[in-house]
């Protein structure tokens, strides 16, 4: 199975780290490359919240639920496979499939560990379309991966960033900030004076993206 973004890194040096970088690949199970998308997921609010409110808004970092799209080319076995494989990925995620090649194609791609499903869908479709046979039909979303018990909330973080909010951001310690990149799933936590600007710099350095923003901040 191909993965975009992929599983979380080890917990060491977590203050300024993020989910594994886009474009990583992993072969697992039936060799899927997954990308999900069942409609728009709520994008995290642009306004930062403090750590106390953030902890109330996020979901548990472990455990995901998979919503499979009703596509005519998917067999019942395919649907069960999507649920099993998708549940092993960190939220938020999506699985993309090339319709003319089927689920077991090397083009199937799973984009996981993003801050919302929309970003995961974009990544999954992009990777799947790049890998499919050029004469075939464009890739489509076959499943979406969200936290268990998902519901729209004002803040959404990847499973990895949620874990970082609890373990690295903490409840005390003076000024601190978490910056996230919605398009890449990257994030960074910085403490001390100038935490917000330094977190934005760390996030941008890791992701190479220009969309890093402060999601959580205590001054």
Protein backbone atom coordinates (compact mmCIF):
# COMPACT_ATOMS: atom_id res chain seq x y z
CA UNK A 1 0.00 0.00 0.00
CA UNK A 2 1.26 3.44 -0.83
CA UNK A 3 0.99 6.07 1.89
CA UNK A 4 1.12 9.83 1.62
CA UNK A 5 2.19 11.55 4.84
CA UNK A 6 2.02 8.20 6.58
CA UNK A 7 2.44 6.85 10.09
CA UNK A 8 3.67 9.01 12.94
CA UNK A 9 7.34 9.23 13.70
CA UNK A 10 8.79 7.94 16.99
CA UNK A 11 8.03 10.13 20.00
CA UNK A 12 11.58 11.38 20.43
CA UNK A 13 12.27 15.06 19.72
CA UNK A 14 8.62 15.81 19.32
CA UNK A 15 8.63 19.53 20.14
CA UNK A 16 9.36 20.51 16.57
CA UNK A 17 8.29 17.55 14.55
CA UNK A 18 5.34 16.45 12.52
CA UNK A 19 3.81 13.47 10.86
CA UNK A 20 6.02 11.58 8.42
CA UNK A 21 6.57 13.57 5.28
CA UNK A 22 4.44 13.30 2.15
CA UNK A 23 5.46 10.85 -0.50
CA UNK A 24 6.60 8.06 1.81
CA UNK A 25 5.64 4.56 0.73
CA UNK A 26 4.79 1.42 2.67
CA UNK A 27 3.82 -1.99 1.39
CA UNK A 28 1.23 -3.70 3.56
CA UNK A 29 -1.57 -6.24 3.29
CA UNK A 30 -2.94 -6.51 -0.24
CA UNK A 31 -0.73 -3.73 -1.57
CA UNK A 32 -3.26 -0.92 -1.52
CA UNK A 33 -2.63 2.75 -2.19
CA UNK A 34 -5.59 4.44 -0.51
CA UNK A 35 -7.32 7.84 -0.67
CA UNK A 36 -10.68 8.66 0.86
CA UNK A 37 -13.31 11.32 0.40
CA UNK A 38 -16.99 11.39 1.23
CA UNK A 39 -17.80 15.07 1.26
CA UNK A 40 -16.29 18.03 2.95
CA UNK A 41 -14.91 17.70 6.45
CA UNK A 42 -14.85 20.72 8.68
CA UNK A 43 -11.60 22.63 8.26
CA UNK A 44 -9.96 23.66 11.51
CA UNK A 45 -10.83 27.16 12.62
CA UNK A 46 -8.41 29.88 11.54
CA UNK A 47 -8.54 31.49 14.99
CA UNK A 48 -6.20 29.87 17.56
CA UNK A 49 -7.56 28.51 20.82
CA UNK A 50 -5.78 28.07 24.14
CA UNK A 51 -4.50 24.74 25.36
CA UNK A 52 -7.41 24.13 27.72
CA UNK A 53 -10.00 24.59 25.00
CA UNK A 54 -7.91 22.63 22.49
CA UNK A 55 -7.82 19.57 24.73
CA UNK A 56 -11.62 19.66 24.96
CA UNK A 57 -12.07 19.97 21.19
CA UNK A 58 -9.76 17.26 19.90
CA UNK A 59 -10.51 13.54 19.79
CA UNK A 60 -8.53 10.70 21.31
CA UNK A 61 -5.35 10.19 19.26
CA UNK A 62 -5.83 6.43 18.98
CA UNK A 63 -8.61 4.77 17.03
CA UNK A 64 -10.16 5.65 13.70
CA UNK A 65 -13.42 4.94 11.91
CA UNK A 66 -13.67 4.38 8.18
CA UNK A 67 -16.51 5.51 5.92
CA UNK A 68 -16.50 3.62 2.60
CA UNK A 69 -17.93 5.29 -0.49
CA UNK A 70 -20.56 3.32 -2.41
CA UNK A 71 -18.69 2.86 -5.69
CA UNK A 72 -19.99 0.34 -8.27
CA UNK A 73 -16.60 -1.23 -9.00
CA UNK A 74 -15.94 -2.15 -5.36
CA UNK A 75 -16.77 -5.72 -4.36
CA UNK A 76 -17.92 -6.65 -0.89
CA UNK A 77 -14.42 -7.97 -0.23
CA UNK A 78 -12.98 -4.63 -1.38
CA UNK A 79 -15.24 -2.77 1.03
CA UNK A 80 -14.18 -4.94 3.95
CA UNK A 81 -10.54 -4.49 2.97
CA UNK A 82 -10.94 -0.72 2.94
CA UNK A 83 -12.38 -0.79 6.45
CA UNK A 84 -9.62 -3.03 7.82
CA UNK A 85 -6.74 -1.18 6.17
CA UNK A 86 -8.20 2.27 6.78
CA UNK A 87 -8.68 1.60 10.49
CA UNK A 88 -4.94 0.95 10.79
CA UNK A 89 -4.09 4.46 9.58
CA UNK A 90 -3.89 7.60 11.75
CA UNK A 91 -6.68 10.11 11.17
CA UNK A 92 -7.52 12.23 9.25
CA UNK A 93 -7.15 10.27 6.05
CA UNK A 94 -8.52 9.31 2.68
CA UNK A 95 -8.10 6.43 0.23
CA UNK A 96 -8.04 6.97 -3.55
CA UNK A 97 -8.55 4.28 -6.18
CA UNK A 98 -8.22 4.20 -9.97
CA UNK A 99 -11.68 2.92 -11.12
CA UNK A 100 -10.39 1.13 -14.21
CA UNK A 101 -7.62 -0.63 -12.25
CA UNK A 102 -9.42 -1.60 -9.06
CA UNK A 103 -8.48 -1.62 -5.41
CA UNK A 104 -5.45 -3.90 -5.77
CA UNK A 105 -3.75 -1.60 -8.23
CA UNK A 106 -0.41 -0.03 -7.32
CA UNK A 107 -2.10 3.32 -7.90
CA UNK A 108 -4.35 2.92 -4.85
CA UNK A 109 -3.10 5.40 -2.28
CA UNK A 110 -3.83 6.19 1.36
CA UNK A 111 -3.18 9.72 2.60
CA UNK A 112 -3.17 9.74 6.40
CA UNK A 113 -2.25 11.83 9.45
CA UNK A 114 -3.56 15.12 8.08
CA UNK A 115 -5.45 17.76 10.07
CA UNK A 116 -8.68 17.30 8.10
CA UNK A 117 -10.18 14.94 5.55
CA UNK A 118 -10.22 17.53 2.77
CA UNK A 119 -6.43 17.84 2.77
CA UNK A 120 -6.08 14.06 2.87
CA UNK A 121 -8.41 13.70 -0.11
CA UNK A 122 -6.37 16.16 -2.16
CA UNK A 123 -3.14 14.31 -1.35
CA UNK A 124 -4.63 10.88 -2.03
CA UNK A 125 -6.10 11.85 -5.38
CA UNK A 126 -2.91 13.58 -6.45
CA UNK A 127 -0.76 10.55 -5.62
CA UNK A 128 -3.18 8.06 -7.13
CA UNK A 129 -3.53 10.00 -10.39
CA UNK A 130 0.24 10.26 -10.67
CA UNK A 131 0.58 6.48 -10.36
CA UNK A 132 -2.36 5.21 -12.43
CA UNK A 133 -2.21 4.18 -16.06
CA UNK A 134 -2.58 7.33 -18.21
CA UNK A 135 -5.25 5.81 -20.42
CA UNK A 136 -7.50 4.98 -17.45
CA UNK A 137 -10.19 6.97 -15.68
CA UNK A 138 -9.21 9.57 -13.03
CA UNK A 139 -8.90 8.35 -9.47
CA UNK A 140 -11.80 8.68 -7.03
CA UNK A 141 -12.10 8.65 -3.25
CA UNK A 142 -13.10 5.24 -1.92
CA UNK A 143 -13.01 5.84 1.83
CA UNK A 144 -12.44 8.47 4.52
CA UNK A 145 -10.69 8.04 7.85
CA UNK A 146 -11.79 10.06 10.86
CA UNK A 147 -11.48 9.75 14.65
CA UNK A 148 -13.93 7.44 16.34
CA UNK A 149 -17.11 9.33 17.19
CA UNK A 150 -16.22 12.17 14.86
CA UNK A 151 -18.44 15.24 14.76
CA UNK A 152 -17.78 18.77 13.45
CA UNK A 153 -15.74 20.82 15.92
CA UNK A 154 -13.94 24.16 15.86
CA UNK A 155 -10.49 22.55 15.98
CA UNK A 156 -9.19 19.51 14.13
CA UNK A 157 -5.69 18.08 14.52
CA UNK A 158 -4.10 14.97 13.09
CA UNK A 159 -3.71 11.96 15.39
CA UNK A 160 -0.02 12.73 15.71
CA UNK A 161 -0.56 16.43 16.49
CA UNK A 162 -3.28 15.50 19.00
CA UNK A 163 -0.79 13.28 20.79
CA UNK A 164 1.72 16.13 20.66
CA UNK A 165 -0.81 18.53 22.17
CA UNK A 166 -1.10 16.25 25.18
CA UNK A 167 2.51 15.16 25.59
CA UNK A 168 4.54 18.16 24.39
CA UNK A 169 2.30 21.21 24.55
CA UNK A 170 1.27 20.38 28.10
CA UNK A 171 -0.93 22.24 30.56
CA UNK A 172 1.59 24.62 32.14
CA UNK A 173 4.87 26.27 31.37
CA UNK A 174 4.34 29.85 30.26
CA UNK A 175 4.08 31.03 26.65
CA UNK A 176 3.72 28.23 24.10
CA UNK A 177 2.22 27.67 20.68
CA UNK A 178 1.38 24.94 18.19
CA UNK A 179 1.60 25.71 14.48
CA UNK A 180 0.09 23.43 11.85
CA UNK A 181 0.27 23.12 8.07
CA UNK A 182 -3.17 21.97 6.83
CA UNK A 183 -1.90 21.02 3.37
CA UNK A 184 0.89 18.74 4.62
CA UNK A 185 -0.19 17.59 8.09
CA UNK A 186 3.01 18.95 9.61
CA UNK A 187 3.05 20.66 13.00
CA UNK A 188 5.41 22.14 15.55
CA UNK A 189 5.24 23.01 19.26
CA UNK A 190 7.46 25.73 20.70
CA UNK A 191 7.62 27.06 24.27
CA UNK A 192 9.02 30.31 25.65
CA UNK A 193 9.22 33.87 24.48
CA UNK A 194 8.25 34.39 20.86
CA UNK A 195 6.66 30.93 20.81
CA UNK A 196 4.14 31.75 18.06
CA UNK A 197 6.61 33.16 15.54
CA UNK A 198 9.14 30.43 16.27
CA UNK A 199 6.48 27.71 15.90
CA UNK A 200 5.49 29.11 12.52
CA UNK A 201 9.14 29.06 11.42
CA UNK A 202 9.62 25.48 12.63
CA UNK A 203 6.45 24.33 10.90
CA UNK A 204 7.48 25.98 7.63
CA UNK A 205 10.99 24.53 7.84
CA UNK A 206 9.61 21.01 8.29
CA UNK A 207 6.86 21.16 5.72
CA UNK A 208 8.23 23.48 3.06
CA UNK A 209 4.66 24.81 2.93
CA UNK A 210 3.45 28.39 3.09
CA UNK A 211 0.17 27.68 4.91
CA UNK A 212 1.46 27.18 8.47
CA UNK A 213 -0.71 28.92 11.06
CA UNK A 214 -1.09 29.00 14.82
CA UNK A 215 -3.79 26.55 15.95
CA UNK A 216 -3.17 26.59 19.71
CA UNK A 217 -1.54 29.33 21.77
CA UNK A 218 -1.09 30.31 25.42
CA UNK A 219 0.58 33.63 26.16
